[in-house]
Protein backbone atom coordinates (compact mmCIF):
# COMPACT_ATOMS: atom_id res chain seq x y z
CA UNK A 1 2.84 -17.11 -29.19
CA UNK A 2 4.75 -14.20 -27.70
CA UNK A 3 8.52 -14.13 -27.39
CA UNK A 4 8.27 -14.30 -23.61
CA UNK A 5 6.05 -17.37 -23.74
CA UNK A 6 8.31 -19.04 -26.33
CA UNK A 7 11.32 -18.47 -24.06
CA UNK A 8 9.39 -19.98 -21.16
CA UNK A 9 8.50 -23.07 -23.21
CA UNK A 10 12.12 -23.44 -24.28
CA UNK A 11 13.27 -23.34 -20.66
CA UNK A 12 10.70 -25.99 -19.71
CA UNK A 13 11.82 -28.28 -22.51
CA UNK A 14 15.48 -27.89 -21.58
CA UNK A 15 14.65 -28.62 -17.96
CA UNK A 16 12.74 -31.77 -18.91
CA UNK A 17 15.65 -32.95 -21.04
CA UNK A 18 18.42 -32.01 -18.61
CA UNK A 19 17.05 -33.68 -15.48
CA UNK A 20 17.15 -37.30 -16.79
CA UNK A 21 20.47 -36.58 -18.53
CA UNK A 22 21.97 -35.45 -15.24
CA UNK A 23 20.58 -38.53 -13.55
CA UNK A 24 22.34 -40.74 -16.11
CA UNK A 25 25.49 -38.67 -15.76
CA UNK A 26 25.75 -39.27 -12.01
CA UNK A 27 24.35 -42.82 -11.81
CA UNK A 28 25.79 -44.59 -14.83
CA UNK A 29 29.50 -44.47 -15.69
CA UNK A 30 28.86 -44.82 -19.39
CA UNK A 31 26.44 -41.93 -19.19
CA UNK A 32 29.26 -39.43 -18.74
CA UNK A 33 30.40 -39.92 -22.32
CA UNK A 34 26.98 -39.19 -23.78
CA UNK A 35 25.78 -36.40 -21.51
CA UNK A 36 25.51 -33.66 -24.12
CA UNK A 37 24.42 -36.17 -26.75
CA UNK A 38 21.54 -37.22 -24.50
CA UNK A 39 20.51 -33.61 -24.04
CA UNK A 40 20.61 -32.94 -27.79
CA UNK A 41 18.76 -36.15 -28.62
CA UNK A 42 16.08 -35.50 -26.03
CA UNK A 43 15.65 -31.90 -27.15
CA UNK A 44 15.27 -32.89 -30.81
CA UNK A 45 12.84 -35.71 -29.99
CA UNK A 46 10.62 -33.48 -27.88
CA UNK A 47 10.75 -30.65 -30.39
CA UNK A 48 9.96 -32.80 -33.41
CA UNK A 49 7.60 -35.42 -32.02
CA UNK A 50 6.08 -34.25 -28.71
CA UNK A 51 5.55 -30.50 -28.93
CA UNK A 52 3.79 -30.35 -32.35
CA UNK A 53 0.70 -32.40 -31.32
CA UNK A 54 0.56 -30.60 -27.97
CA UNK A 55 0.65 -27.19 -29.69
CA UNK A 56 -1.97 -28.32 -32.21
CA UNK A 57 -4.31 -29.16 -29.34
CA UNK A 58 -3.46 -26.11 -27.23
CA UNK A 59 -3.52 -23.39 -29.86
CA UNK A 60 -5.84 -24.81 -32.50
CA UNK A 61 -8.26 -27.47 -31.28
CA UNK A 62 -9.07 -26.17 -27.81
CA UNK A 63 -9.84 -22.57 -28.90
CA UNK A 64 -11.65 -23.64 -32.06
CA UNK A 65 -13.73 -26.52 -30.70
CA UNK A 66 -13.57 -27.15 -26.94
CA UNK A 67 -14.02 -23.54 -25.79
CA UNK A 68 -16.93 -23.19 -28.21
CA UNK A 69 -18.49 -26.37 -26.76
CA UNK A 70 -18.07 -28.37 -29.96
CA UNK A 71 -17.18 -31.45 -27.96
CA UNK A 72 -17.64 -34.09 -30.65
CA UNK A 73 -15.51 -32.17 -33.15
CA UNK A 74 -12.85 -31.65 -30.49
CA UNK A 75 -12.74 -35.33 -29.50
CA UNK A 76 -12.59 -36.45 -33.11
CA UNK A 77 -9.87 -33.96 -34.10
CA UNK A 78 -7.82 -34.78 -30.99
CA UNK A 79 -8.01 -38.50 -31.72
CA UNK A 80 -6.99 -37.85 -35.31
CA UNK A 81 -4.03 -35.78 -34.09
CA UNK A 82 -2.93 -38.61 -31.79
CA UNK A 83 -3.14 -41.15 -34.64
CA UNK A 84 -1.21 -38.99 -37.09
CA UNK A 85 1.61 -38.00 -34.74
CA UNK A 86 1.76 -41.44 -33.11
CA UNK A 87 2.23 -43.01 -36.52
CA UNK A 88 4.75 -40.26 -37.34
CA UNK A 89 6.83 -41.13 -34.25
CA UNK A 90 6.83 -44.84 -35.06
CA UNK A 91 8.25 -44.27 -38.54
CA UNK A 92 10.52 -41.25 -38.18
CA UNK A 93 12.00 -41.52 -34.68
CA UNK A 94 14.35 -44.35 -35.77
CA UNK A 95 15.45 -42.32 -38.78
CA UNK A 96 16.34 -39.36 -36.58
CA UNK A 97 18.46 -41.62 -34.34
CA UNK A 98 20.24 -43.12 -37.35
CA UNK A 99 20.94 -40.14 -39.57
CA UNK A 100 21.16 -37.29 -37.06
CA UNK A 101 22.88 -38.96 -34.11
CA UNK A 102 24.57 -41.90 -35.85
CA UNK A 103 22.94 -44.48 -33.58
CA UNK A 104 21.36 -47.83 -34.19
CA UNK A 105 17.71 -47.04 -34.87
CA UNK A 106 15.32 -48.20 -32.17
CA UNK A 107 12.19 -49.54 -33.74
CA UNK A 108 9.03 -48.06 -32.25
CA UNK A 109 5.68 -49.55 -33.04
CA UNK A 110 3.16 -46.98 -34.31
CA UNK A 111 0.64 -48.30 -31.79
CA UNK A 112 3.07 -47.46 -28.95
CA UNK A 113 3.55 -43.95 -30.35
CA UNK A 114 -0.23 -43.49 -30.59
CA UNK A 115 -0.68 -44.53 -26.95
CA UNK A 116 2.07 -42.16 -25.78
CA UNK A 117 0.73 -39.19 -27.75
CA UNK A 118 -2.85 -39.90 -26.64
CA UNK A 119 -1.73 -39.93 -23.00
CA UNK A 120 0.19 -36.67 -23.44
CA UNK A 121 -2.75 -34.98 -25.14
CA UNK A 122 -5.17 -36.05 -22.41
CA UNK A 123 -2.82 -34.65 -19.76
CA UNK A 124 -2.41 -31.47 -21.81
CA UNK A 125 -6.17 -30.96 -22.10
CA UNK A 126 -6.72 -31.57 -18.38
CA UNK A 127 -3.95 -29.18 -17.38
CA UNK A 128 -5.20 -26.52 -19.79
CA UNK A 129 -8.76 -26.80 -18.52
CA UNK A 130 -7.52 -26.63 -14.94
CA UNK A 131 -5.52 -23.51 -15.79
CA UNK A 132 -8.48 -21.89 -17.54
CA UNK A 133 -10.72 -22.75 -14.60
CA UNK A 134 -8.23 -21.20 -12.16
CA UNK A 135 -7.92 -18.03 -14.26
CA UNK A 136 -11.69 -17.77 -14.62
CA UNK A 137 -12.14 -18.28 -10.89
CA UNK A 138 -9.57 -15.56 -10.18
CA UNK A 139 -11.30 -13.16 -12.57
CA UNK A 140 -14.69 -13.92 -11.07
CA UNK A 141 -13.29 -13.41 -7.58
CA UNK A 142 -11.79 -10.09 -8.60
CA UNK A 143 -15.08 -9.02 -10.19
CA UNK A 144 -16.93 -10.09 -7.06
CA UNK A 145 -14.54 -8.10 -4.86
CA UNK A 146 -14.94 -5.05 -7.12
CA UNK A 147 -18.70 -5.43 -6.99
CA UNK A 148 -18.65 -5.74 -3.20
CA UNK A 149 -16.49 -2.64 -2.87
CA UNK A 150 -18.83 -0.67 -5.11
CA UNK A 151 -21.87 -1.94 -3.26
CA UNK A 152 -20.33 -1.15 0.12
CA UNK A 153 -19.45 2.33 -1.10
CA UNK A 154 -22.98 2.82 -2.35
CA UNK A 155 -24.53 1.59 0.89
CA UNK A 156 -22.16 3.78 2.91
CA UNK A 157 -23.19 6.82 0.89
CA UNK A 158 -26.87 6.05 1.48
CA UNK A 159 -26.65 7.13 5.12
CA UNK A 160 -29.60 9.40 5.76
CA UNK A 161 -28.47 13.00 5.22
CA UNK A 162 -31.46 14.51 7.02
CA UNK A 163 -29.37 14.94 10.17
CA UNK A 164 -26.91 17.27 8.42
CA UNK A 165 -29.73 19.35 6.99
CA UNK A 166 -31.40 19.61 10.42
CA UNK A 167 -28.11 20.58 12.03
CA UNK A 168 -27.50 23.27 9.41
CA UNK A 169 -31.00 24.65 10.11
CA UNK A 170 -30.24 24.70 13.83
CA UNK A 171 -26.91 26.33 13.12
CA UNK A 172 -28.69 29.00 11.08
CA UNK A 173 -31.08 29.63 13.97
CA UNK A 174 -28.18 29.88 16.45
CA UNK A 175 -26.38 32.29 14.14
CA UNK A 176 -29.46 34.51 13.98
CA UNK A 177 -29.61 34.52 17.77
CA UNK A 178 -25.85 35.14 17.91
CA UNK A 179 -25.62 32.25 20.34
CA UNK A 180 -22.32 31.41 22.01
CA UNK A 181 -22.90 27.76 21.07
CA UNK A 182 -22.50 28.50 17.36
CA UNK A 183 -18.70 27.86 17.15
CA UNK A 184 -19.03 24.57 19.07
CA UNK A 185 -21.80 23.38 16.78
CA UNK A 186 -19.75 24.30 13.69
CA UNK A 187 -16.74 22.42 15.07
CA UNK A 188 -18.71 19.27 15.87
CA UNK A 189 -20.44 19.32 12.48
CA UNK A 190 -17.06 19.76 10.81
CA UNK A 191 -15.66 16.79 12.71
CA UNK A 192 -18.63 14.64 11.70
CA UNK A 193 -18.28 15.55 8.04
CA UNK A 194 -14.51 15.05 8.05
CA UNK A 195 -14.92 11.60 9.57
CA UNK A 196 -17.63 10.47 7.15
CA UNK A 197 -15.85 11.87 4.08
CA UNK A 198 -12.14 11.25 4.74
CA UNK A 199 -11.62 8.85 7.65
CA UNK A 200 -14.04 6.18 6.40
CA UNK A 201 -12.44 5.45 3.05
CA UNK A 202 -10.97 2.18 4.33
CA UNK A 203 -13.03 -0.92 5.17
CA UNK A 204 -12.29 -0.63 8.90
CA UNK A 205 -11.57 2.10 11.43
CA UNK A 206 -10.50 2.21 15.09
CA UNK A 207 -13.49 1.94 17.37
CA UNK A 208 -12.42 5.08 19.24
CA UNK A 209 -13.05 7.11 16.08
CA UNK A 210 -16.51 5.61 15.73
CA UNK A 211 -17.19 6.42 19.39
CA UNK A 212 -16.08 10.03 18.88
CA UNK A 213 -18.41 10.27 15.89
CA UNK A 214 -21.32 8.93 17.95
CA UNK A 215 -20.59 11.35 20.81
CA UNK A 216 -20.47 14.33 18.44
CA UNK A 217 -23.71 13.20 16.87
CA UNK A 218 -25.40 12.90 20.28
CA UNK A 219 -24.12 16.33 21.32
CA UNK A 220 -25.61 17.94 18.21
CA UNK A 221 -28.89 16.10 18.64
CA UNK A 222 -29.01 17.22 22.26
CA UNK A 223 -28.83 20.84 21.09
CA UNK A 224 -31.69 20.19 18.67
CA UNK A 225 -33.79 18.22 21.16
CA UNK A 226 -33.22 19.83 24.53
CA UNK A 227 -36.02 17.91 26.23
CA UNK A 228 -34.85 14.48 25.02
CA UNK A 229 -33.21 12.15 27.53
CA UNK A 230 -30.08 10.75 25.90
CA UNK A 231 -27.71 8.35 27.61
CA UNK A 232 -24.58 6.72 26.19
CA UNK A 233 -22.87 3.99 28.22
CA UNK A 234 -19.70 2.42 26.87
CA UNK A 235 -17.27 -0.20 28.05
CA UNK A 236 -14.39 -0.68 25.61
CA UNK A 237 -11.30 -2.63 26.64
CA UNK A 238 -9.22 -1.73 23.59
CA UNK A 239 -9.72 1.59 21.81
CA UNK A 240 -7.72 0.38 18.80
CA UNK A 241 -10.17 -2.36 17.88
CA UNK A 242 -11.12 -2.27 14.21
CA UNK A 243 -14.74 -2.23 13.05
CA UNK A 244 -16.57 -1.32 9.87
CA UNK A 245 -17.29 2.43 9.84
CA UNK A 246 -20.67 4.16 9.88
CA UNK A 247 -22.69 1.11 10.85
CA UNK A 248 -23.34 1.80 14.53
CA UNK A 249 -24.43 5.36 13.80
CA UNK A 250 -27.28 4.18 11.57
CA UNK A 251 -28.95 2.49 14.54
CA UNK A 252 -28.71 5.77 16.44
CA UNK A 253 -29.98 7.81 13.49
CA UNK A 254 -32.92 5.46 13.25
CA UNK A 255 -33.76 6.05 16.93
CA UNK A 256 -33.99 9.81 16.37
CA UNK A 257 -35.73 9.71 13.00
CA UNK A 258 -38.42 7.18 13.90
CA UNK A 259 -38.44 7.66 17.66
CA UNK A 260 -37.51 11.08 18.97
CA UNK A 261 -38.91 12.97 15.98
CA UNK A 262 -42.27 11.22 16.44
CA UNK A 263 -42.56 12.22 20.10
CA UNK A 264 -43.78 15.72 21.01
CA UNK A 265 -42.24 15.27 24.47
CA UNK A 266 -40.92 12.62 26.81
CA UNK A 267 -38.60 11.03 24.25
CA UNK A 268 -35.57 9.04 25.33
CA UNK A 269 -32.66 7.27 23.67
CA UNK A 270 -30.48 4.78 25.57
CA UNK A 271 -27.23 3.68 23.93
CA UNK A 272 -24.96 0.91 25.18
CA UNK A 273 -21.63 -0.17 23.69
CA UNK A 274 -19.49 -3.05 24.94
CA UNK A 275 -16.38 -4.15 23.09
CA UNK A 276 -13.40 -6.41 23.61
CA UNK A 277 -10.94 -8.13 21.29
CA UNK A 278 -13.48 -10.86 20.46
CA UNK A 279 -16.88 -9.17 20.33
CA UNK A 280 -18.66 -5.88 19.88
CA UNK A 281 -22.21 -5.37 21.16
CA UNK A 282 -24.11 -2.19 20.38
CA UNK A 283 -27.67 -1.60 21.53
CA UNK A 284 -29.96 1.37 21.00
CA UNK A 285 -33.31 1.67 22.79
CA UNK A 286 -35.83 4.42 22.13
CA UNK A 287 -39.51 5.07 22.64
CA UNK A 288 -41.77 6.03 19.75
CA UNK A 289 -45.28 7.17 19.06
CA UNK A 290 -47.19 4.19 17.65
CA UNK A 291 -50.05 6.45 16.51
CA UNK A 292 -48.05 8.25 13.83
CA UNK A 293 -48.08 5.13 11.57
CA UNK A 294 -44.38 5.57 10.92
CA UNK A 295 -42.18 2.51 10.54
CA UNK A 296 -39.45 2.10 13.14
CA UNK A 297 -37.19 0.40 10.60
CA UNK A 298 -36.68 1.89 7.19
CA UNK A 299 -33.98 1.93 4.56
CA UNK A 300 -31.22 2.65 7.08
CA UNK A 301 -31.57 -0.66 8.92
CA UNK A 302 -31.85 -2.54 5.63
CA UNK A 303 -28.55 -1.01 4.56
CA UNK A 304 -26.99 -2.01 7.88
CA UNK A 305 -27.99 -5.62 7.33
CA UNK A 306 -26.64 -5.62 3.77
CA UNK A 307 -23.33 -4.07 4.77
CA UNK A 308 -22.92 -6.42 7.71
CA UNK A 309 -23.59 -9.38 5.48
CA UNK A 310 -21.03 -8.19 2.91
CA UNK A 311 -18.35 -7.42 5.49
CA UNK A 312 -18.82 -9.93 8.30
CA UNK A 313 -20.68 -12.77 6.60
CA UNK A 314 -22.12 -14.98 9.36
CA UNK A 315 -20.07 -13.38 12.15
CA UNK A 316 -22.80 -11.03 13.31
CA UNK A 317 -26.28 -11.04 14.79
CA UNK A 318 -28.65 -8.12 14.32
CA UNK A 319 -32.04 -8.12 16.01
CA UNK A 320 -34.84 -5.60 16.52
CA UNK A 321 -37.63 -5.78 19.08
CA UNK A 322 -40.73 -3.63 19.57
CA UNK A 323 -42.47 -3.78 22.95
CA UNK A 324 -44.72 -1.26 24.71
CA UNK A 325 -43.81 1.48 22.24
CA UNK A 326 -40.10 0.92 22.81
CA UNK A 327 -37.86 -0.09 19.93
CA UNK A 328 -34.65 -1.97 20.71
CA UNK A 329 -31.99 -2.62 18.08
CA UNK A 330 -29.13 -4.90 19.10
CA UNK A 331 -26.05 -5.62 17.02
CA UNK A 332 -23.48 -8.23 18.00
CA UNK A 333 -20.32 -8.63 15.92
CA UNK A 334 -17.82 -11.43 16.40
CA UNK A 335 -14.34 -10.10 15.67
CA UNK A 336 -12.36 -13.32 16.15
């Protein structure tokens, strides 16, 4: 036992002894003469007769037998402890009263002492198990939170990087042509990378930042796919609403990767975002070429579902629909 824990136990014992002594002091006139004597007598009785069996169970029997699932040995040794110390109380408590405090010895039957010690040991075991269960639950919860954070970080980092590579290739082509659009493309790409690397470290971001990221992404895709019809409609009542970062963009990335990139011409992407303090609804519609045998889902949408489940639990609904070579992904998040 550490010094800090011993001091704590001492304070608990003194508190247990002092409270009834104070009660006697204020309720019984004769109690005022024996106030400090009552404290001393109670402290000695608890120290000599109550704490030893409790400490035997706490620091010897529980670690050696109960924690190791040796239940029969624990029950037997606990019962033996109760018998020994109960008998000890019955015989030696009167002697302590007589020789240490000069009082008439109060005879205590050993059977009464055994019952009292047994009750105290049962309470001790139950409290200790409850404490261990609480600590174990806290540790498991902390481990679960750490695991979720690591998994979320991993899923966040699994966002398809093909867009950045394509943009760098387009940037290289613009640089060769000495296009006036080159600085704008560099700036937008820089903003995208800054957001994904630095601004998304927390679990939530303002929705206006996510919107800016989406708009920069669309602008860069529009440069790459000049003949693609892209439309982004948004209705957001509060720009400071908090949402999980880099989830909405995956639906849009999926539309380009499995939709626009599969279409030689005539591709379109329709994006709609509606948000208020209670709900966020994000929908992406795109056409695709069914003859290229390319899945319209993929790892990106699987990651979205996993992240949503980890962050929002049951407070979201994510659906995908394919009809007439049009893929529609709809995400609804309940914020409150």
